[in-house]
All heavy atoms as atom14 arrays in JSON, in Angstrom:
{
  "sequence": "SFYVSENGLSAWDEVNMIHAGKNYGWNECE",
  "atom14_mask": [
    [1, 1, 1, 1, 1, 1, 0, 0, 0, 0, 0, 0, 0, 0],
    [1, 1, 1, 1, 1, 1, 1, 1, 1, 1, 1, 0, 0, 0],
    [1, 1, 1, 1, 1, 1, 1, 1, 1, 1, 1, 1, 0, 0],
    [1, 1, 1, 1, 1, 1, 1, 0, 0, 0, 0, 0, 0, 0],
    [1, 1, 1, 1, 1, 1, 0, 0, 0, 0, 0, 0, 0, 0],
    [1, 1, 1, 1, 1, 1, 1, 1, 1, 0, 0, 0, 0, 0],
    [1, 1, 1, 1, 1, 1, 1, 1, 0, 0, 0, 0, 0, 0],
    [1, 1, 1, 1, 0, 0, 0, 0, 0, 0, 0, 0, 0, 0],
    [1, 1, 1, 1, 1, 1, 1, 1, 0, 0, 0, 0, 0, 0],
    [1, 1, 1, 1, 1, 1, 0, 0, 0, 0, 0, 0, 0, 0],
    [1, 1, 1, 1, 1, 0, 0, 0, 0, 0, 0, 0, 0, 0],
    [1, 1, 1, 1, 1, 1, 1, 1, 1, 1, 1, 1, 1, 1],
    [1, 1, 1, 1, 1, 1, 1, 1, 0, 0, 0, 0, 0, 0],
    [1, 1, 1, 1, 1, 1, 1, 1, 1, 0, 0, 0, 0, 0],
    [1, 1, 1, 1, 1, 1, 1, 0, 0, 0, 0, 0, 0, 0],
    [1, 1, 1, 1, 1, 1, 1, 1, 0, 0, 0, 0, 0, 0],
    [1, 1, 1, 1, 1, 1, 1, 1, 0, 0, 0, 0, 0, 0],
    [1, 1, 1, 1, 1, 1, 1, 1, 0, 0, 0, 0, 0, 0],
    [1, 1, 1, 1, 1, 1, 1, 1, 1, 1, 0, 0, 0, 0],
    [1, 1, 1, 1, 1, 0, 0, 0, 0, 0, 0, 0, 0, 0],
    [1, 1, 1, 1, 0, 0, 0, 0, 0, 0, 0, 0, 0, 0],
    [1, 1, 1, 1, 1, 1, 1, 1, 1, 0, 0, 0, 0, 0],
    [1, 1, 1, 1, 1, 1, 1, 1, 0, 0, 0, 0, 0, 0],
    [1, 1, 1, 1, 1, 1, 1, 1, 1, 1, 1, 1, 0, 0],
    [1, 1, 1, 1, 0, 0, 0, 0, 0, 0, 0, 0, 0, 0],
    [1, 1, 1, 1, 1, 1, 1, 1, 1, 1, 1, 1, 1, 1],
    [1, 1, 1, 1, 1, 1, 1, 1, 0, 0, 0, 0, 0, 0],
    [1, 1, 1, 1, 1, 1, 1, 1, 1, 0, 0, 0, 0, 0],
    [1, 1, 1, 1, 1, 1, 0, 0, 0, 0, 0, 0, 0, 0],
    [1, 1, 1, 1, 1, 1, 1, 1, 1, 0, 0, 0, 0, 0]
  ],
  "atom14_positions": [
    [[-10.98, -15.85, 0.74], [-12.39, -16.18, 0.97], [-13.25, -14.92, 0.88], [-12.82, -13.8, 1.16], [-12.57, -16.84, 2.34], [-11.93, -18.08, 2.37], [0.0, 0.0, 0.0], [0.0, 0.0, 0.0], [0.0, 0.0, 0.0], [0.0, 0.0, 0.0], [0.0, 0.0, 0.0], [0.0, 0.0, 0.0], [0.0, 0.0, 0.0], [0.0, 0.0, 0.0]],
    [[-14.53, -15.14, 0.54], [-15.49, -14.09, 0.22], [-16.62, -14.17, 1.24], [-17.29, -15.19, 1.36], [-15.98, -14.35, -1.21], [-16.94, -13.37, -1.8], [-17.4, -12.25, -1.15], [-17.41, -13.59, -3.11], [-18.28, -11.37, -1.74], [-18.3, -12.73, -3.71], [-18.73, -11.61, -3.03], [0.0, 0.0, 0.0], [0.0, 0.0, 0.0], [0.0, 0.0, 0.0]],
    [[-16.84, -13.08, 2.01], [-17.86, -13.05, 3.06], [-18.81, -11.88, 2.82], [-18.38, -10.77, 2.49], [-17.22, -12.9, 4.44], [-16.19, -13.94, 4.78], [-14.84, -13.72, 4.51], [-16.55, -15.14, 5.38], [-13.88, -14.66, 4.83], [-15.59, -16.1, 5.7], [-14.26, -15.86, 5.42], [-13.31, -16.8, 5.74], [0.0, 0.0, 0.0], [0.0, 0.0, 0.0]],
    [[-20.11, -12.13, 3.03], [-21.15, -11.12, 2.81], [-21.98, -10.94, 4.08], [-22.35, -11.93, 4.73], [-22.07, -11.53, 1.65], [-23.39, -10.78, 1.68], [-21.4, -11.3, 0.31], [0.0, 0.0, 0.0], [0.0, 0.0, 0.0], [0.0, 0.0, 0.0], [0.0, 0.0, 0.0], [0.0, 0.0, 0.0], [0.0, 0.0, 0.0], [0.0, 0.0, 0.0]],
    [[-22.27, -9.69, 4.44], [-23.24, -9.41, 5.5], [-24.6, -9.17, 4.84], [-24.69, -8.48, 3.83], [-22.82, -8.17, 6.3], [-22.83, -7.01, 5.49], [0.0, 0.0, 0.0], [0.0, 0.0, 0.0], [0.0, 0.0, 0.0], [0.0, 0.0, 0.0], [0.0, 0.0, 0.0], [0.0, 0.0, 0.0], [0.0, 0.0, 0.0], [0.0, 0.0, 0.0]],
    [[-25.66, -9.76, 5.42], [-26.96, -9.71, 4.76], [-28.09, -9.44, 5.75], [-28.16, -10.08, 6.8], [-27.21, -11.02, 4.02], [-28.46, -10.99, 3.18], [-28.5, -12.12, 2.15], [-27.44, -12.72, 1.87], [-29.6, -12.41, 1.64], [0.0, 0.0, 0.0], [0.0, 0.0, 0.0], [0.0, 0.0, 0.0], [0.0, 0.0, 0.0], [0.0, 0.0, 0.0]],
    [[-28.94, -8.49, 5.39], [-30.07, -8.11, 6.23], [-31.26, -9.03, 6.0], [-31.67, -9.28, 4.86], [-30.52, -6.68, 5.92], [-29.41, -5.66, 6.11], [-29.32, -4.69, 5.38], [-28.55, -5.88, 7.1], [0.0, 0.0, 0.0], [0.0, 0.0, 0.0], [0.0, 0.0, 0.0], [0.0, 0.0, 0.0], [0.0, 0.0, 0.0], [0.0, 0.0, 0.0]],
    [[-31.84, -9.54, 7.11], [-33.03, -10.36, 7.03], [-34.3, -9.52, 7.01], [-34.27, -8.29, 7.15], [0.0, 0.0, 0.0], [0.0, 0.0, 0.0], [0.0, 0.0, 0.0], [0.0, 0.0, 0.0], [0.0, 0.0, 0.0], [0.0, 0.0, 0.0], [0.0, 0.0, 0.0], [0.0, 0.0, 0.0], [0.0, 0.0, 0.0], [0.0, 0.0, 0.0]],
    [[-35.44, -10.21, 6.87], [-36.73, -9.53, 6.82], [-37.24, -9.21, 8.22], [-37.48, -8.04, 8.54], [-37.75, -10.39, 6.07], [-39.2, -9.91, 6.08], [-39.32, -8.54, 5.42], [-40.11, -10.92, 5.38], [0.0, 0.0, 0.0], [0.0, 0.0, 0.0], [0.0, 0.0, 0.0], [0.0, 0.0, 0.0], [0.0, 0.0, 0.0], [0.0, 0.0, 0.0]],
    [[-37.4, -10.22, 9.04], [-37.97, -9.98, 10.37], [-37.43, -10.91, 11.43], [-37.73, -10.74, 12.6], [-39.49, -10.14, 10.31], [-39.85, -11.43, 9.86], [0.0, 0.0, 0.0], [0.0, 0.0, 0.0], [0.0, 0.0, 0.0], [0.0, 0.0, 0.0], [0.0, 0.0, 0.0], [0.0, 0.0, 0.0], [0.0, 0.0, 0.0], [0.0, 0.0, 0.0]],
    [[-36.61, -11.91, 11.04], [-36.19, -12.9, 12.03], [-34.68, -13.05, 12.13], [-34.16, -13.27, 13.22], [-36.82, -14.27, 11.71], [0.0, 0.0, 0.0], [0.0, 0.0, 0.0], [0.0, 0.0, 0.0], [0.0, 0.0, 0.0], [0.0, 0.0, 0.0], [0.0, 0.0, 0.0], [0.0, 0.0, 0.0], [0.0, 0.0, 0.0], [0.0, 0.0, 0.0]],
    [[-33.94, -12.95, 11.0], [-32.51, -13.28, 11.04], [-31.68, -12.38, 10.13], [-31.97, -12.27, 8.94], [-32.3, -14.75, 10.61], [-33.08, -15.72, 11.43], [-34.26, -16.33, 11.08], [-32.75, -16.19, 12.74], [-34.69, -17.15, 12.09], [-33.79, -17.08, 13.13], [-31.7, -15.95, 13.62], [-33.77, -17.73, 14.36], [-31.7, -16.59, 14.85], [-32.72, -17.48, 15.21]],
    [[-30.65, -11.76, 10.69], [-29.54, -11.22, 9.91], [-28.49, -12.32, 9.81], [-28.44, -13.22, 10.66], [-28.93, -10.0, 10.58], [-29.76, -8.73, 10.4], [-30.69, -8.74, 9.58], [-29.48, -7.74, 11.1], [0.0, 0.0, 0.0], [0.0, 0.0, 0.0], [0.0, 0.0, 0.0], [0.0, 0.0, 0.0], [0.0, 0.0, 0.0], [0.0, 0.0, 0.0]],
    [[-27.62, -12.23, 8.8], [-26.68, -13.34, 8.62], [-25.39, -12.9, 7.94], [-25.32, -11.83, 7.32], [-27.33, -14.44, 7.79], [-27.87, -13.99, 6.44], [-28.75, -15.06, 5.78], [-29.73, -15.5, 6.4], [-28.44, -15.42, 4.63], [0.0, 0.0, 0.0], [0.0, 0.0, 0.0], [0.0, 0.0, 0.0], [0.0, 0.0, 0.0], [0.0, 0.0, 0.0]],
    [[-24.37, -13.75, 8.08], [-23.14, -13.64, 7.29], [-23.02, -14.91, 6.47], [-23.17, -16.02, 7.0], [-21.9, -13.47, 8.18], [-20.62, -13.68, 7.38], [-21.89, -12.08, 8.82], [0.0, 0.0, 0.0], [0.0, 0.0, 0.0], [0.0, 0.0, 0.0], [0.0, 0.0, 0.0], [0.0, 0.0, 0.0], [0.0, 0.0, 0.0], [0.0, 0.0, 0.0]],
    [[-22.76, -14.74, 5.19], [-22.59, -15.86, 4.28], [-21.17, -15.91, 3.75], [-20.54, -14.88, 3.52], [-23.56, -15.73, 3.09], [-24.99, -15.98, 3.5], [-25.35, -17.09, 3.86], [-25.82, -14.94, 3.45], [0.0, 0.0, 0.0], [0.0, 0.0, 0.0], [0.0, 0.0, 0.0], [0.0, 0.0, 0.0], [0.0, 0.0, 0.0], [0.0, 0.0, 0.0]],
    [[-20.68, -17.13, 3.56], [-19.4, -17.34, 2.88], [-19.74, -17.71, 1.44], [-20.44, -18.7, 1.19], [-18.6, -18.43, 3.55], [-17.2, -18.59, 3.0], [-16.24, -19.78, 3.99], [-14.65, -19.65, 3.17], [0.0, 0.0, 0.0], [0.0, 0.0, 0.0], [0.0, 0.0, 0.0], [0.0, 0.0, 0.0], [0.0, 0.0, 0.0], [0.0, 0.0, 0.0]],
    [[-19.27, -16.91, 0.49], [-19.75, -16.98, -0.88], [-18.88, -17.89, -1.75], [-17.65, -17.8, -1.72], [-19.83, -15.57, -1.5], [-20.71, -14.66, -0.65], [-20.34, -15.63, -2.93], [-22.14, -15.14, -0.47], [0.0, 0.0, 0.0], [0.0, 0.0, 0.0], [0.0, 0.0, 0.0], [0.0, 0.0, 0.0], [0.0, 0.0, 0.0], [0.0, 0.0, 0.0]],
    [[-19.56, -18.73, -2.54], [-18.91, -19.57, -3.54], [-19.6, -19.34, -4.88], [-20.82, -19.12, -4.94], [-19.01, -21.05, -3.15], [-18.39, -21.35, -1.82], [-17.04, -21.54, -1.65], [-18.95, -21.49, -0.59], [-16.78, -21.78, -0.38], [-17.92, -21.76, 0.29], [0.0, 0.0, 0.0], [0.0, 0.0, 0.0], [0.0, 0.0, 0.0], [0.0, 0.0, 0.0]],
    [[-18.84, -19.4, -5.93], [-19.36, -19.1, -7.27], [-20.53, -19.99, -7.63], [-20.49, -21.21, -7.47], [-18.24, -19.25, -8.3], [0.0, 0.0, 0.0], [0.0, 0.0, 0.0], [0.0, 0.0, 0.0], [0.0, 0.0, 0.0], [0.0, 0.0, 0.0], [0.0, 0.0, 0.0], [0.0, 0.0, 0.0], [0.0, 0.0, 0.0], [0.0, 0.0, 0.0]],
    [[-21.61, -19.36, -8.12], [-22.75, -20.08, -8.64], [-23.71, -20.64, -7.62], [-24.67, -21.32, -7.98], [0.0, 0.0, 0.0], [0.0, 0.0, 0.0], [0.0, 0.0, 0.0], [0.0, 0.0, 0.0], [0.0, 0.0, 0.0], [0.0, 0.0, 0.0], [0.0, 0.0, 0.0], [0.0, 0.0, 0.0], [0.0, 0.0, 0.0], [0.0, 0.0, 0.0]],
    [[-23.51, -20.35, -6.33], [-24.33, -20.96, -5.3], [-25.54, -20.09, -4.93], [-25.55, -18.88, -5.1], [-23.49, -21.24, -4.05], [-22.35, -22.22, -4.29], [-22.85, -23.57, -4.8], [-21.71, -24.55, -4.96], [-22.19, -25.87, -5.47], [0.0, 0.0, 0.0], [0.0, 0.0, 0.0], [0.0, 0.0, 0.0], [0.0, 0.0, 0.0], [0.0, 0.0, 0.0]],
    [[-26.56, -20.79, -4.39], [-27.81, -20.18, -3.94], [-27.76, -20.01, -2.43], [-27.45, -20.94, -1.7], [-28.97, -21.09, -4.35], [-30.27, -20.77, -3.64], [-30.53, -19.62, -3.3], [-31.08, -21.78, -3.41], [0.0, 0.0, 0.0], [0.0, 0.0, 0.0], [0.0, 0.0, 0.0], [0.0, 0.0, 0.0], [0.0, 0.0, 0.0], [0.0, 0.0, 0.0]],
    [[-28.11, -18.79, -1.94], [-28.04, -18.52, -0.51], [-29.41, -18.36, 0.15], [-29.51, -17.8, 1.23], [-27.09, -17.33, -0.26], [-25.68, -17.78, -0.5], [-25.14, -17.78, -1.78], [-24.92, -18.34, 0.52], [-23.88, -18.29, -2.03], [-23.66, -18.85, 0.29], [-23.14, -18.82, -0.99], [-21.9, -19.35, -1.22], [0.0, 0.0, 0.0], [0.0, 0.0, 0.0]],
    [[-30.44, -18.91, -0.53], [-31.67, -19.21, 0.17], [-32.83, -18.25, 0.09], [-33.97, -18.68, 0.17], [0.0, 0.0, 0.0], [0.0, 0.0, 0.0], [0.0, 0.0, 0.0], [0.0, 0.0, 0.0], [0.0, 0.0, 0.0], [0.0, 0.0, 0.0], [0.0, 0.0, 0.0], [0.0, 0.0, 0.0], [0.0, 0.0, 0.0], [0.0, 0.0, 0.0]],
    [[-32.57, -16.95, -0.02], [-33.69, -16.01, -0.03], [-34.46, -16.14, -1.35], [-33.84, -16.27, -2.39], [-33.16, -14.57, 0.16], [-34.25, -13.55, 0.19], [-34.58, -12.66, -0.79], [-35.18, -13.33, 1.24], [-35.63, -11.9, -0.42], [-36.04, -12.28, 0.83], [-35.4, -13.92, 2.49], [-37.08, -11.82, 1.62], [-36.42, -13.44, 3.28], [-37.25, -12.41, 2.85]],
    [[-35.82, -16.14, -1.37], [-36.6, -15.86, -0.17], [-37.36, -17.09, 0.34], [-38.35, -16.95, 1.07], [-37.56, -14.7, -0.41], [-38.73, -15.05, -1.31], [-38.76, -16.07, -2.0], [-39.71, -14.17, -1.34], [0.0, 0.0, 0.0], [0.0, 0.0, 0.0], [0.0, 0.0, 0.0], [0.0, 0.0, 0.0], [0.0, 0.0, 0.0], [0.0, 0.0, 0.0]],
    [[-36.86, -18.27, 0.01], [-37.39, -19.47, 0.65], [-36.98, -19.51, 2.12], [-37.75, -19.93, 2.98], [-36.85, -20.73, -0.05], [-37.46, -21.01, -1.41], [-38.81, -21.69, -1.29], [-39.2, -22.05, -0.17], [-39.47, -21.84, -2.34], [0.0, 0.0, 0.0], [0.0, 0.0, 0.0], [0.0, 0.0, 0.0], [0.0, 0.0, 0.0], [0.0, 0.0, 0.0]],
    [[-35.75, -19.06, 2.39], [-35.2, -19.19, 3.73], [-34.58, -17.88, 4.21], [-34.13, -17.06, 3.41], [-34.13, -20.29, 3.76], [-34.76, -21.91, 3.23], [0.0, 0.0, 0.0], [0.0, 0.0, 0.0], [0.0, 0.0, 0.0], [0.0, 0.0, 0.0], [0.0, 0.0, 0.0], [0.0, 0.0, 0.0], [0.0, 0.0, 0.0], [0.0, 0.0, 0.0]],
    [[-34.55, -17.76, 5.51], [-33.94, -16.61, 6.18], [-33.18, -17.15, 7.37], [-33.75, -17.84, 8.22], [-35.04, -15.63, 6.63], [-34.53, -14.38, 7.31], [-35.67, -13.48, 7.74], [-36.81, -13.64, 7.24], [-35.44, -12.63, 8.62], [0.0, 0.0, 0.0], [0.0, 0.0, 0.0], [0.0, 0.0, 0.0], [0.0, 0.0, 0.0], [0.0, 0.0, 0.0]]
  ]
}
């Protein structure tokens, strides 16, 4: 499995589990 640590703008830091070809939301979502 593939895991990413990601810095947010002002409200949320996050960890994502990555799958090929998927969208992880920025910058619509944080």
